[in-house]
Protein backbone atom coordinates (compact mmCIF):
# COMPACT_ATOMS: atom_id res chain seq x y z
CA MET A 1 -27.87 -34.77 -83.09
CA SER A 2 -29.39 -37.92 -81.61
CA ASP A 3 -32.76 -39.10 -82.90
CA VAL A 4 -33.71 -39.90 -79.31
CA PRO A 5 -34.25 -37.10 -76.77
CA VAL A 6 -32.11 -37.73 -73.70
CA ALA A 7 -32.87 -35.73 -70.57
CA ARG A 8 -29.66 -34.85 -68.75
CA ASN A 9 -30.44 -34.21 -65.14
CA PRO A 10 -31.02 -31.73 -63.77
CA ILE A 11 -33.30 -30.67 -66.63
CA LEU A 12 -33.90 -27.28 -64.89
CA ARG A 13 -30.52 -26.28 -63.51
CA GLY A 14 -29.93 -24.02 -60.55
CA PHE A 15 -32.64 -23.06 -58.09
CA ASN A 16 -35.81 -24.71 -59.46
CA PRO A 17 -37.38 -26.72 -56.62
CA ASP A 18 -40.73 -28.44 -56.02
CA PRO A 19 -41.59 -29.19 -59.66
CA SER A 20 -45.21 -29.63 -60.69
CA ILE A 21 -45.80 -31.04 -64.17
CA VAL A 22 -48.75 -31.26 -66.54
CA ARG A 23 -49.05 -32.48 -70.12
CA VAL A 24 -51.36 -30.69 -72.54
CA GLY A 25 -51.44 -32.31 -75.97
CA ASP A 26 -47.84 -32.75 -77.08
CA GLU A 27 -46.44 -30.12 -74.71
CA TYR A 28 -45.23 -30.49 -71.13
CA PHE A 29 -45.23 -27.68 -68.58
CA VAL A 30 -43.40 -27.49 -65.25
CA ALA A 31 -43.99 -24.93 -62.49
CA THR A 32 -41.36 -24.44 -59.77
CA SER A 33 -41.22 -22.64 -56.43
CA THR A 34 -39.76 -19.13 -56.27
CA PHE A 35 -39.95 -18.33 -52.52
CA GLU A 36 -39.13 -14.62 -51.93
CA TRP A 37 -38.10 -13.96 -55.54
CA PHE A 38 -40.25 -11.94 -57.95
CA PRO A 39 -42.06 -12.70 -60.29
CA GLY A 40 -43.60 -15.75 -58.65
CA VAL A 41 -43.85 -19.38 -59.87
CA ARG A 42 -41.50 -19.95 -62.79
CA LEU A 43 -43.08 -21.73 -65.76
CA HIS A 44 -41.20 -23.97 -68.22
CA ARG A 45 -42.20 -25.75 -71.44
CA SER A 46 -40.88 -28.72 -73.42
CA ARG A 47 -42.01 -31.03 -76.21
CA ASP A 48 -39.48 -33.80 -75.59
CA LEU A 49 -38.83 -33.69 -71.79
CA ALA A 50 -35.14 -33.11 -72.53
CA ASN A 51 -35.07 -29.52 -73.82
CA TRP A 52 -36.80 -26.86 -71.74
CA GLU A 53 -37.43 -23.14 -72.00
CA VAL A 54 -38.72 -20.58 -69.51
CA VAL A 55 -42.02 -19.21 -70.79
CA GLY A 56 -42.84 -16.81 -67.98
CA HIS A 57 -44.33 -16.64 -64.51
CA ALA A 58 -47.83 -16.92 -63.09
CA LEU A 59 -47.58 -14.20 -60.43
CA ASP A 60 -46.62 -10.57 -60.93
CA GLU A 61 -47.96 -7.08 -60.41
CA SER A 62 -50.73 -7.67 -62.96
CA ASN A 63 -52.57 -9.91 -60.50
CA GLY A 64 -51.61 -8.01 -57.37
CA PHE A 65 -48.63 -10.15 -56.40
CA ASP A 66 -46.37 -8.49 -53.80
CA LEU A 67 -43.97 -10.17 -51.39
CA ARG A 68 -42.64 -7.17 -49.49
CA GLY A 69 -42.23 -8.13 -45.85
CA VAL A 70 -41.95 -11.93 -46.24
CA PRO A 71 -39.00 -13.63 -44.52
CA ASP A 72 -36.03 -15.30 -46.17
CA SER A 73 -37.12 -18.67 -47.59
CA GLY A 74 -40.74 -17.59 -47.13
CA GLY A 75 -42.93 -16.42 -50.00
CA VAL A 76 -44.18 -18.87 -52.63
CA TRP A 77 -43.92 -22.56 -51.78
CA ALA A 78 -44.71 -25.69 -53.80
CA PRO A 79 -47.00 -24.75 -56.71
CA SER A 80 -49.45 -27.25 -58.20
CA LEU A 81 -50.10 -26.92 -61.94
CA THR A 82 -53.04 -28.78 -63.50
CA ASP A 83 -55.18 -28.62 -66.64
CA VAL A 84 -58.96 -28.50 -66.16
CA ASP A 85 -61.20 -28.48 -69.24
CA GLY A 86 -58.66 -26.54 -71.30
CA GLU A 87 -57.79 -24.08 -68.53
CA PHE A 88 -54.60 -24.00 -66.45
CA TRP A 89 -55.03 -24.02 -62.68
CA LEU A 90 -52.08 -22.96 -60.54
CA ALA A 91 -52.32 -23.40 -56.77
CA TYR A 92 -49.66 -22.12 -54.38
CA SER A 93 -48.95 -21.07 -50.81
CA VAL A 94 -47.50 -17.75 -49.63
CA ILE A 95 -45.59 -18.22 -46.38
CA ARG A 96 -45.66 -14.91 -44.52
CA THR A 97 -44.00 -15.74 -41.18
CA MET A 98 -41.95 -18.69 -39.95
CA ASP A 99 -41.37 -17.82 -36.29
CA GLY A 100 -40.92 -20.61 -33.79
CA ASP A 101 -43.71 -23.15 -34.10
CA ASN A 102 -45.86 -20.90 -36.24
CA LYS A 103 -46.28 -20.62 -39.97
CA ASP A 104 -48.63 -17.88 -41.09
CA LEU A 105 -49.61 -18.59 -44.68
CA ASP A 106 -52.28 -18.15 -47.30
CA ASN A 107 -53.25 -20.56 -50.04
CA TYR A 108 -54.41 -19.35 -53.45
CA LEU A 109 -55.55 -20.45 -56.89
CA VAL A 110 -55.00 -18.55 -60.13
CA THR A 111 -56.20 -19.68 -63.57
CA ALA A 112 -55.33 -18.88 -67.18
CA PRO A 113 -56.47 -19.93 -70.66
CA ASP A 114 -52.83 -20.34 -71.70
CA VAL A 115 -49.66 -20.91 -69.71
CA SER A 116 -48.39 -17.51 -70.91
CA GLY A 117 -51.45 -15.88 -69.31
CA PRO A 118 -53.16 -13.70 -68.55
CA TRP A 119 -53.40 -15.23 -65.07
CA SER A 120 -56.42 -14.38 -62.97
CA GLU A 121 -56.70 -12.55 -59.69
CA PRO A 122 -55.98 -14.98 -56.83
CA ILE A 123 -58.80 -16.95 -55.21
CA HIS A 124 -58.11 -17.38 -51.49
CA LEU A 125 -58.33 -21.01 -50.34
CA GLY A 126 -57.69 -20.61 -46.65
CA SER A 127 -54.59 -21.09 -44.52
CA ARG A 128 -54.83 -24.68 -43.31
CA GLY A 129 -51.37 -25.83 -44.42
CA PHE A 130 -48.85 -25.78 -47.24
CA ASP A 131 -47.62 -28.07 -50.04
CA PHE A 132 -51.18 -28.46 -51.23
CA SER A 133 -52.06 -29.73 -54.69
CA PHE A 134 -55.24 -30.13 -56.71
CA PHE A 135 -56.77 -33.50 -57.45
CA HIS A 136 -59.53 -33.63 -60.08
CA ASP A 137 -61.50 -36.85 -59.67
CA THR A 138 -63.16 -38.75 -62.49
CA ASP A 139 -66.61 -37.71 -61.25
CA GLY A 140 -65.82 -34.04 -61.91
CA THR A 141 -65.20 -33.05 -58.29
CA HIS A 142 -62.14 -31.00 -57.28
CA TRP A 143 -60.11 -31.58 -54.14
CA ILE A 144 -57.11 -30.01 -52.46
CA VAL A 145 -54.70 -32.26 -50.62
CA GLY A 146 -51.99 -30.81 -48.41
CA VAL A 147 -50.01 -30.76 -45.20
CA ALA A 148 -51.86 -29.92 -41.99
CA TRP A 149 -49.75 -27.76 -39.68
CA ASP A 150 -50.00 -27.97 -35.87
CA GLN A 151 -48.43 -25.00 -34.07
CA ARG A 152 -48.70 -26.55 -30.57
CA PRO A 153 -45.14 -27.13 -29.32
CA GLU A 154 -45.96 -30.48 -27.68
CA HIS A 155 -47.37 -31.89 -30.95
CA PRO A 156 -45.64 -32.83 -34.21
CA SER A 157 -45.78 -29.78 -36.51
CA PHE A 158 -46.35 -31.93 -39.60
CA SER A 159 -49.65 -33.42 -38.45
CA GLY A 160 -50.60 -35.47 -41.50
CA ILE A 161 -52.10 -35.12 -44.96
CA VAL A 162 -55.61 -33.67 -45.24
CA LEU A 163 -58.18 -33.60 -48.04
CA GLU A 164 -60.78 -30.86 -48.62
CA GLN A 165 -63.29 -30.34 -51.42
CA TYR A 166 -63.14 -27.22 -53.59
CA PHE A 167 -66.22 -25.76 -55.32
CA HIS A 168 -65.02 -23.82 -58.34
CA ASP A 169 -68.43 -22.36 -59.18
CA ARG A 170 -68.47 -20.77 -55.72
CA GLN A 171 -64.70 -20.20 -55.61
CA ARG A 172 -64.35 -21.58 -52.11
CA VAL A 173 -63.34 -24.66 -50.19
CA SER A 174 -65.79 -26.69 -48.12
CA GLY A 175 -64.22 -25.73 -44.81
CA GLU A 176 -64.24 -29.38 -43.76
CA ALA A 177 -60.97 -31.26 -44.08
CA VAL A 178 -60.42 -34.93 -43.37
CA GLN A 179 -57.06 -36.46 -42.54
CA ILE A 180 -56.32 -39.22 -45.02
CA TYR A 181 -52.76 -40.16 -44.08
CA SER A 182 -50.14 -39.80 -41.36
CA GLN A 183 -46.99 -41.60 -40.29
CA PRO A 184 -44.48 -41.15 -37.45
CA SER A 185 -41.88 -39.54 -39.72
CA LEU A 186 -42.33 -36.31 -41.65
CA VAL A 187 -44.38 -36.39 -44.86
CA GLU A 188 -45.26 -33.50 -47.16
CA GLY A 189 -45.62 -32.67 -50.87
CA PRO A 190 -48.72 -34.85 -51.43
CA ASN A 191 -50.19 -35.55 -54.88
CA LEU A 192 -53.20 -37.78 -55.56
CA TYR A 193 -53.79 -39.91 -58.68
CA HIS A 194 -56.71 -42.18 -59.61
CA PHE A 195 -55.86 -45.33 -61.54
CA ASP A 196 -57.92 -48.44 -62.24
CA ASP A 197 -56.93 -50.06 -58.94
CA GLY A 198 -57.78 -47.03 -56.81
CA TYR A 199 -56.11 -43.92 -55.41
CA HIS A 200 -52.35 -43.44 -55.24
CA LEU A 201 -50.95 -40.83 -52.84
CA LEU A 202 -47.44 -39.73 -53.86
CA LEU A 203 -45.56 -38.30 -50.87
CA ALA A 204 -42.31 -36.56 -50.04
CA GLU A 205 -40.83 -37.78 -46.78
CA GLY A 206 -37.84 -37.23 -44.54
CA GLY A 207 -37.60 -33.45 -44.99
CA THR A 208 -36.08 -31.68 -47.97
CA GLY A 209 -32.43 -32.27 -47.01
CA TRP A 210 -30.09 -35.25 -47.28
CA ASN A 211 -32.78 -37.62 -45.92
CA HIS A 212 -35.32 -36.66 -48.59
CA GLY A 213 -37.26 -39.24 -50.57
CA ILE A 214 -40.50 -40.19 -52.32
CA THR A 215 -42.90 -42.91 -51.26
CA VAL A 216 -46.48 -43.95 -52.13
CA ALA A 217 -49.58 -44.95 -50.20
CA ARG A 218 -52.67 -46.53 -51.80
CA SER A 219 -56.37 -46.83 -51.07
CA HIS A 220 -59.54 -48.09 -52.77
CA SER A 221 -61.37 -45.06 -51.38
CA LEU A 222 -60.59 -41.37 -51.83
CA THR A 223 -60.72 -40.72 -48.10
CA GLY A 224 -58.73 -43.81 -47.13
CA PRO A 225 -57.47 -45.71 -45.32
CA TYR A 226 -54.18 -45.45 -47.25
CA VAL A 227 -51.54 -48.19 -46.96
CA ARG A 228 -47.90 -47.20 -47.37
CA ASP A 229 -45.61 -48.99 -49.80
CA ALA A 230 -43.42 -51.51 -47.98
CA ALA A 231 -40.36 -50.49 -50.03
CA THR A 232 -37.84 -48.11 -48.48
CA ALA A 233 -38.63 -45.49 -51.11
CA VAL A 234 -39.58 -45.08 -54.73
CA LEU A 235 -36.76 -42.54 -55.02
CA THR A 236 -34.13 -41.42 -52.54
CA SER A 237 -30.40 -40.75 -52.24
CA ARG A 238 -30.27 -40.89 -48.44
CA ASP A 239 -28.32 -44.17 -48.42
CA ASP A 240 -25.57 -43.09 -50.84
CA PRO A 241 -23.78 -39.74 -50.43
CA GLY A 242 -21.84 -40.45 -53.64
CA THR A 243 -24.75 -40.65 -56.06
CA PRO A 244 -24.77 -37.54 -58.28
CA LEU A 245 -28.36 -36.43 -57.55
CA GLN A 246 -28.59 -35.83 -53.81
CA LYS A 247 -31.66 -34.82 -51.75
CA ALA A 248 -33.88 -36.56 -54.32
CA GLY A 249 -37.56 -36.18 -53.48
CA HIS A 250 -40.77 -34.11 -53.85
CA GLY A 251 -42.15 -35.27 -57.17
CA GLU A 252 -45.11 -35.47 -59.53
CA LEU A 253 -46.15 -37.94 -62.23
CA VAL A 254 -46.97 -37.25 -65.86
CA ALA A 255 -48.37 -39.66 -68.46
CA LEU A 256 -46.44 -40.13 -71.71
CA PRO A 257 -48.19 -40.61 -75.09
CA GLY A 258 -47.88 -44.40 -75.16
CA GLY A 259 -49.18 -44.95 -71.62
CA GLU A 260 -45.78 -44.88 -69.93
CA TRP A 261 -45.05 -42.59 -67.00
CA ALA A 262 -42.37 -40.11 -65.94
CA LEU A 263 -41.65 -38.57 -62.56
CA VAL A 264 -40.28 -35.06 -62.07
CA HIS A 265 -38.56 -34.46 -58.76
CA LEU A 266 -36.13 -32.17 -57.04
CA ALA A 267 -32.50 -33.01 -56.33
CA SER A 268 -29.23 -31.24 -55.57
CA ARG A 269 -25.66 -31.37 -56.88
CA PRO A 270 -23.53 -30.39 -53.89
CA ALA A 271 -20.11 -28.80 -53.81
CA LEU A 272 -17.60 -30.49 -51.51
CA ARG A 273 -15.46 -28.77 -48.90
CA LEU A 274 -13.35 -30.65 -46.38
CA GLY A 275 -15.56 -33.68 -46.83
CA GLU A 276 -18.81 -31.78 -46.23
CA ARG A 277 -21.52 -31.22 -48.85
CA TYR A 278 -22.97 -27.79 -49.63
CA SER A 279 -25.90 -27.25 -51.99
CA THR A 280 -24.83 -23.89 -53.41
CA LEU A 281 -27.08 -24.33 -56.46
CA GLY A 282 -30.11 -25.06 -54.33
CA ARG A 283 -32.60 -27.73 -55.31
CA GLU A 284 -32.99 -28.41 -59.02
CA THR A 285 -35.56 -30.22 -61.17
CA CYS A 286 -34.88 -33.71 -62.54
CA ILE A 287 -36.91 -36.33 -64.39
CA GLN A 288 -37.01 -40.15 -64.27
CA ARG A 289 -38.94 -42.88 -66.05
CA VAL A 290 -41.19 -44.92 -63.76
CA VAL A 291 -43.25 -48.11 -64.05
CA PHE A 292 -45.78 -50.00 -61.94
CA ASP A 293 -44.64 -53.41 -60.71
CA ASP A 294 -46.71 -56.62 -60.70
CA GLU A 295 -48.41 -55.54 -57.48
CA GLY A 296 -49.21 -52.08 -58.78
CA TRP A 297 -46.58 -50.15 -56.81
CA LEU A 298 -44.64 -47.31 -58.41
CA ARG A 299 -40.97 -48.03 -59.16
CA LEU A 300 -38.10 -46.42 -61.07
CA GLU A 301 -37.69 -47.98 -64.50
CA GLY A 302 -34.64 -50.22 -64.42
CA GLY A 303 -34.92 -50.85 -60.70
CA GLY A 304 -33.29 -49.33 -57.63
CA HIS A 305 -34.20 -46.05 -55.98
CA HIS A 306 -31.40 -43.71 -57.09
CA GLY A 307 -32.10 -41.11 -59.76
CA ARG A 308 -30.30 -41.44 -63.09
CA VAL A 309 -28.42 -38.59 -64.73
CA GLU A 310 -29.33 -39.54 -68.32
CA VAL A 311 -32.89 -40.59 -69.12
CA PRO A 312 -33.94 -41.32 -72.73
CA PHE A 313 -37.43 -40.69 -74.12
CA PRO A 314 -37.47 -42.59 -77.44
CA GLU A 315 -41.24 -42.20 -77.84
CA LEU A 316 -40.81 -38.44 -78.30
CA GLU A 317 -39.35 -36.46 -81.19
CA PRO A 318 -36.34 -34.25 -80.40
CA ALA A 319 -37.44 -30.64 -79.95
CA PRO A 320 -34.43 -28.42 -79.21
CA VAL A 321 -35.04 -24.88 -77.99
CA ALA A 322 -32.93 -21.76 -78.33
CA LYS A 323 -30.95 -21.02 -75.19
CA PRO A 324 -30.65 -17.39 -74.10
CA PRO A 325 -27.17 -15.93 -74.62
CA PRO A 326 -24.97 -15.75 -71.53
CA ARG A 327 -24.62 -11.98 -71.90
CA ASP A 328 -27.38 -9.42 -71.40
CA ASP A 329 -26.49 -6.05 -72.94
CA PHE A 330 -29.66 -4.36 -71.65
CA ASP A 331 -30.69 -3.31 -75.14
CA GLY A 332 -34.39 -4.06 -74.70
CA ASP A 333 -37.25 -1.93 -73.47
CA ALA A 334 -37.77 -4.06 -70.35
CA LEU A 335 -35.83 -6.52 -68.25
CA ASP A 336 -35.96 -10.10 -69.49
CA LEU A 337 -37.75 -11.66 -66.52
CA ARG A 338 -37.18 -15.14 -67.90
CA ARG A 339 -33.57 -14.53 -66.83
CA TRP A 340 -33.76 -11.91 -64.10
CA SER A 341 -35.50 -11.91 -60.75
CA THR A 342 -35.93 -9.20 -58.15
CA LEU A 343 -36.38 -9.59 -54.41
CA ARG A 344 -39.95 -9.35 -53.11
CA TRP A 345 -41.16 -6.55 -55.39
CA ALA A 346 -41.65 -5.84 -59.07
CA ALA A 347 -38.96 -4.31 -61.28
CA ASP A 348 -40.33 -0.75 -61.22
CA PRO A 349 -39.04 0.98 -64.40
CA ALA A 350 -38.33 4.09 -62.35
CA VAL A 351 -35.81 2.06 -60.31
CA PHE A 352 -34.69 -0.56 -62.85
CA ASP A 353 -34.36 1.95 -65.68
CA LEU A 354 -33.47 0.96 -69.25
CA ALA A 355 -34.40 4.31 -70.81
CA GLY A 356 -32.24 6.75 -68.85
CA ARG A 357 -29.06 5.62 -70.64
CA PRO A 358 -29.92 3.43 -73.63
CA GLY A 359 -27.92 0.20 -73.74
CA TRP A 360 -27.30 0.33 -69.99
CA LEU A 361 -29.27 -0.62 -66.91
CA ARG A 362 -29.60 2.43 -64.67
CA LEU A 363 -30.18 1.06 -61.21
CA ARG A 364 -31.41 3.57 -58.65
CA GLY A 365 -30.14 2.75 -55.17
CA GLY A 366 -32.51 1.15 -52.69
CA HIS A 367 -32.65 -0.35 -49.24
CA SER A 368 -29.80 -2.23 -47.59
CA ALA A 369 -29.16 -5.93 -48.05
CA GLY A 370 -31.00 -6.51 -44.78
CA SER A 371 -34.32 -5.16 -46.03
CA VAL A 372 -37.43 -7.28 -46.66
CA PHE A 373 -38.95 -4.44 -48.69
CA GLU A 374 -37.32 -2.54 -51.57
CA GLN A 375 -33.84 -3.68 -52.46
CA SER A 376 -32.47 -2.55 -55.83
CA MET A 377 -31.01 -5.75 -57.20
CA ILE A 378 -31.50 -8.01 -60.19
CA ALA A 379 -30.14 -11.54 -60.03
CA GLN A 380 -30.21 -14.80 -61.94
CA ARG A 381 -29.85 -18.41 -60.83
CA VAL A 382 -26.31 -19.76 -60.71
CA GLU A 383 -26.65 -22.95 -62.75
CA GLU A 384 -23.33 -24.73 -62.31
CA LEU A 385 -20.78 -25.29 -59.55
CA ASP A 386 -18.18 -23.47 -61.66
CA ALA A 387 -19.25 -20.06 -62.92
CA THR A 388 -17.91 -16.63 -63.87
CA ILE A 389 -20.11 -13.54 -63.76
CA GLU A 390 -18.90 -10.20 -65.06
CA THR A 391 -20.19 -6.64 -65.44
CA LEU A 392 -19.10 -3.08 -66.22
CA VAL A 393 -20.32 -0.46 -63.76
CA ASP A 394 -20.25 3.32 -64.10
CA ALA A 395 -21.04 5.14 -60.87
CA GLU A 396 -19.82 8.05 -58.76
CA PRO A 397 -20.61 7.41 -55.11
CA THR A 398 -20.01 10.38 -52.81
CA SER A 399 -21.13 8.89 -49.51
CA VAL A 400 -20.39 5.84 -47.38
CA ARG A 401 -24.13 5.09 -47.77
CA GLN A 402 -23.85 4.64 -51.53
CA ALA A 403 -22.47 1.51 -53.18
CA ALA A 404 -23.00 -0.50 -56.35
CA GLY A 405 -21.51 -3.60 -57.88
CA LEU A 406 -21.62 -7.32 -58.56
CA LEU A 407 -22.58 -9.97 -56.03
CA ALA A 408 -23.35 -13.57 -55.27
CA TRP A 409 -26.43 -13.84 -53.07
CA TYR A 410 -28.14 -16.48 -50.99
CA ASP A 411 -30.35 -14.44 -48.66
CA ARG A 412 -30.14 -11.46 -46.32
CA SER A 413 -27.85 -13.41 -43.99
CA ALA A 414 -25.40 -14.65 -46.64
CA TRP A 415 -23.88 -12.80 -49.61
CA ILE A 416 -20.57 -11.71 -51.16
CA TRP A 417 -20.53 -8.27 -52.80
CA LEU A 418 -17.76 -6.71 -54.88
CA GLN A 419 -18.76 -3.07 -54.63
CA LEU A 420 -17.75 0.37 -55.82
CA THR A 421 -18.15 2.81 -52.93
CA TRP A 422 -16.63 5.93 -51.29
CA ASP A 423 -15.26 7.16 -48.01
CA ALA A 424 -13.31 10.24 -46.93
CA GLU A 425 -10.07 8.32 -46.40
CA ASN A 426 -9.96 6.49 -49.74
CA GLY A 427 -12.29 8.38 -52.04
CA ARG A 428 -13.97 6.26 -54.73
CA HIS A 429 -12.71 2.70 -54.31
CA LEU A 430 -13.56 -1.01 -54.38
CA ARG A 431 -14.21 -3.36 -51.49
CA VAL A 432 -15.39 -6.91 -51.05
CA VAL A 433 -18.14 -6.90 -48.44
CA THR A 434 -19.41 -10.24 -47.16
CA ARG A 435 -22.11 -11.37 -44.81
CA ASP A 436 -22.33 -14.69 -43.00
CA ARG A 437 -24.65 -13.64 -40.17
CA ARG A 438 -22.18 -10.78 -39.53
CA THR A 439 -20.77 -8.32 -42.04
CA THR A 440 -17.06 -8.05 -42.84
CA ARG A 441 -15.23 -5.74 -45.24
CA SER A 442 -11.98 -6.21 -47.09
CA GLU A 443 -9.32 -3.55 -47.26
CA PRO A 444 -9.97 -0.83 -49.88
CA TYR A 445 -8.73 -1.38 -53.45
CA ALA A 446 -8.03 1.40 -55.93
CA ALA A 447 -10.69 2.03 -58.58
CA SER A 448 -9.68 3.56 -61.88
CA PRO A 449 -11.62 6.59 -63.14
CA GLY A 450 -14.69 5.95 -65.27
CA PRO A 451 -16.42 2.59 -65.77
CA VAL A 452 -14.91 -0.35 -63.87
CA GLY A 453 -15.11 -4.01 -64.84
CA LEU A 454 -16.05 -6.37 -62.02
CA ARG A 455 -15.88 -10.16 -62.02
CA ILE A 456 -16.65 -12.95 -59.58
CA SER A 457 -15.39 -16.47 -60.25
CA ILE A 458 -16.88 -19.47 -58.45
CA VAL A 459 -15.16 -22.84 -58.38
CA GLY A 460 -17.14 -25.26 -56.29
CA SER A 461 -17.07 -24.03 -52.70
CA ASP A 462 -14.81 -21.01 -53.28
CA LEU A 463 -15.24 -17.54 -54.80
CA ARG A 464 -12.69 -14.99 -55.97
CA CYS A 465 -13.04 -11.40 -57.20
CA SER A 466 -11.35 -9.45 -59.99
CA ALA A 467 -11.54 -5.91 -61.36
CA THR A 468 -10.13 -3.91 -64.24
CA GLY A 469 -7.42 -1.37 -63.66
CA ALA A 470 -6.72 1.94 -65.38
CA ASP A 471 -5.32 0.08 -68.40
CA GLY A 472 -8.46 -2.09 -68.72
CA ALA A 473 -6.62 -5.27 -67.79
CA TRP A 474 -8.19 -7.68 -65.31
CA ARG A 475 -6.48 -8.02 -61.93
CA ASP A 476 -7.31 -10.52 -59.21
CA LEU A 477 -8.14 -9.01 -55.85
CA PRO A 478 -6.65 -10.65 -52.75
CA GLY A 479 -8.57 -13.26 -50.85
CA GLU A 480 -10.75 -16.30 -51.34
CA TYR A 481 -14.35 -16.15 -50.17
CA PRO A 482 -16.72 -18.91 -48.97
CA ALA A 483 -19.15 -19.73 -51.74
CA TYR A 484 -20.18 -22.68 -49.57
CA ALA A 485 -21.75 -20.20 -47.13
CA LEU A 486 -24.23 -19.36 -49.90
CA SER A 487 -25.93 -22.73 -49.68
CA ASP A 488 -28.94 -24.51 -48.25
CA ASP A 489 -26.72 -26.38 -45.80
CA HIS A 490 -24.68 -23.66 -44.10
CA GLY A 491 -25.53 -21.89 -40.88
CA GLY A 492 -28.49 -23.92 -39.68
CA GLY A 493 -32.14 -22.92 -39.86
CA LEU A 494 -34.49 -23.17 -42.81
CA ARG A 495 -32.74 -22.34 -46.08
CA PHE A 496 -34.41 -23.19 -49.37
CA THR A 497 -33.36 -20.86 -52.17
CA GLY A 498 -29.93 -21.57 -53.70
CA MET A 499 -27.33 -19.12 -55.01
CA PHE A 500 -28.11 -16.19 -57.32
CA ALA A 501 -25.71 -13.72 -58.94
CA GLY A 502 -26.39 -10.21 -60.19
CA VAL A 503 -25.96 -6.49 -59.70
CA ARG A 504 -27.24 -4.14 -57.02
CA ALA A 505 -27.10 -0.54 -55.87
CA ASP A 506 -27.62 0.85 -52.36
CA ASP A 507 -28.59 4.43 -51.60
CA LEU A 508 -29.39 4.23 -47.92
CA ASP A 509 -30.32 7.93 -47.73
CA ARG A 510 -32.70 7.44 -50.72
CA GLN A 511 -31.57 10.63 -52.47
CA GLY A 512 -31.98 9.32 -56.02
CA TRP A 513 -28.38 8.17 -56.49
CA PHE A 514 -27.89 5.57 -59.24
CA ALA A 515 -25.34 3.32 -60.91
CA ASP A 516 -25.21 2.33 -64.59
CA PHE A 517 -24.41 -1.24 -65.73
CA ASP A 518 -23.41 -1.83 -69.35
CA TYR A 519 -23.93 -5.61 -69.37
CA VAL A 520 -23.89 -8.77 -67.28
CA ASP A 521 -22.19 -11.85 -68.70
CA ALA A 522 -22.78 -15.16 -66.90
CA ASP A 523 -20.65 -18.13 -67.95
CA PHE A 524 -21.90 -21.39 -66.43
CA ARG A 525 -19.38 -24.04 -67.37
CA GLY A 526 -21.16 -27.22 -66.37
CA ALA A 527 -22.39 -30.01 -68.60
């Protein structure tokens, strides 16, 4: 093992966008967006910036968190994690509608004495805009800085960066916001820092797609005017489609022990298909070393503006962490929510049942895949472009409205589901059901009696399905399916969440039907 920790980007692989970082003593913590997935705001910890572990989430049923009804790619956007006098502050937005020119949202703050909680009830901070972060000035005042949204169709929707004071003793904002920065092109993801030479405003620009990047503006006064850096970008990949870390942008700074600085940011590793790029893994978290040049402007260490895949941190001691095993045998008393997520609502033990058949997950069927309320599905982030996910399902459907199985999921408009179901013509059988804005079904495939093994294999932009036969041997099912459709870049519209894989059960008549899953084994074969 090397004596020098080397971060290999992405440091948080699979869907982990909008990183917010804070250092407390010799530990580093990163919060990432979770959108419509539950629990909300994933929290990670490291001592060496190279090895990371999931330590929990800030938002769950204990503090009233509920996302039922939010749209795809709505929910929790862009958290801001800070440390204030030994207490963690976590600010976030909940996007409730995204129709036309409108974004209905609410901004909140929760606090905790420790990153593992307990996290407080949310404090409502208004609905002015999203991507807001906290800035704690040296005089002890607290400020929120965020995007102002303009719903008027004849005006730019992203109408600049605004600053508003927050009074923690009264748990409210001032109600008076001042615009501190705007530019003709889109800017978002603001973070403020106060150094000796004044205030530095770190900004994401160009949207969160292929044109994404990070720039800086500076001012001697908190409220401006702010002058933008003359450089093209501190960090971007927009000028080189071949650099490994695409869509690089939306970042935060953290101070290292010796006075050096690092920058966490999002990026994407796309799969290629017919010359086009598809971000099936979503936006992931990376880290770079940064310096200030002779004029005080932020720059990547080593020059240039492309993110590096390997970044050493020789000032830190290596601190490896135990990685969770790829297989979950469901032997615990509760789901491991460091691995598993549910859609929009908590994993109710009556639905996600580990006691009904010990050593198995008994999943009681829920709403259809089109629901924004109570789907019965657990899923985990797909972390590499090549992956194999496998399960063993035991279920006896007796209706066309009952089905259970293994799937790859992007959102309600895009998924691939290898399911065990029933109809009068074929009895109990397997099908591959896919959705890419419209639903299609494969021909029926025979299902052997008793438990059936199911497997999906993803290689870049393609997905194939397999199942066990009566002799227990694996057999490939016909057809190749478009994993590229389960990406941020397919189909148009706003798509922010990346591919997940897991198991689900539908009981559209809600009669208490269930399916049992013995295990899920996820093999992510990347670096």
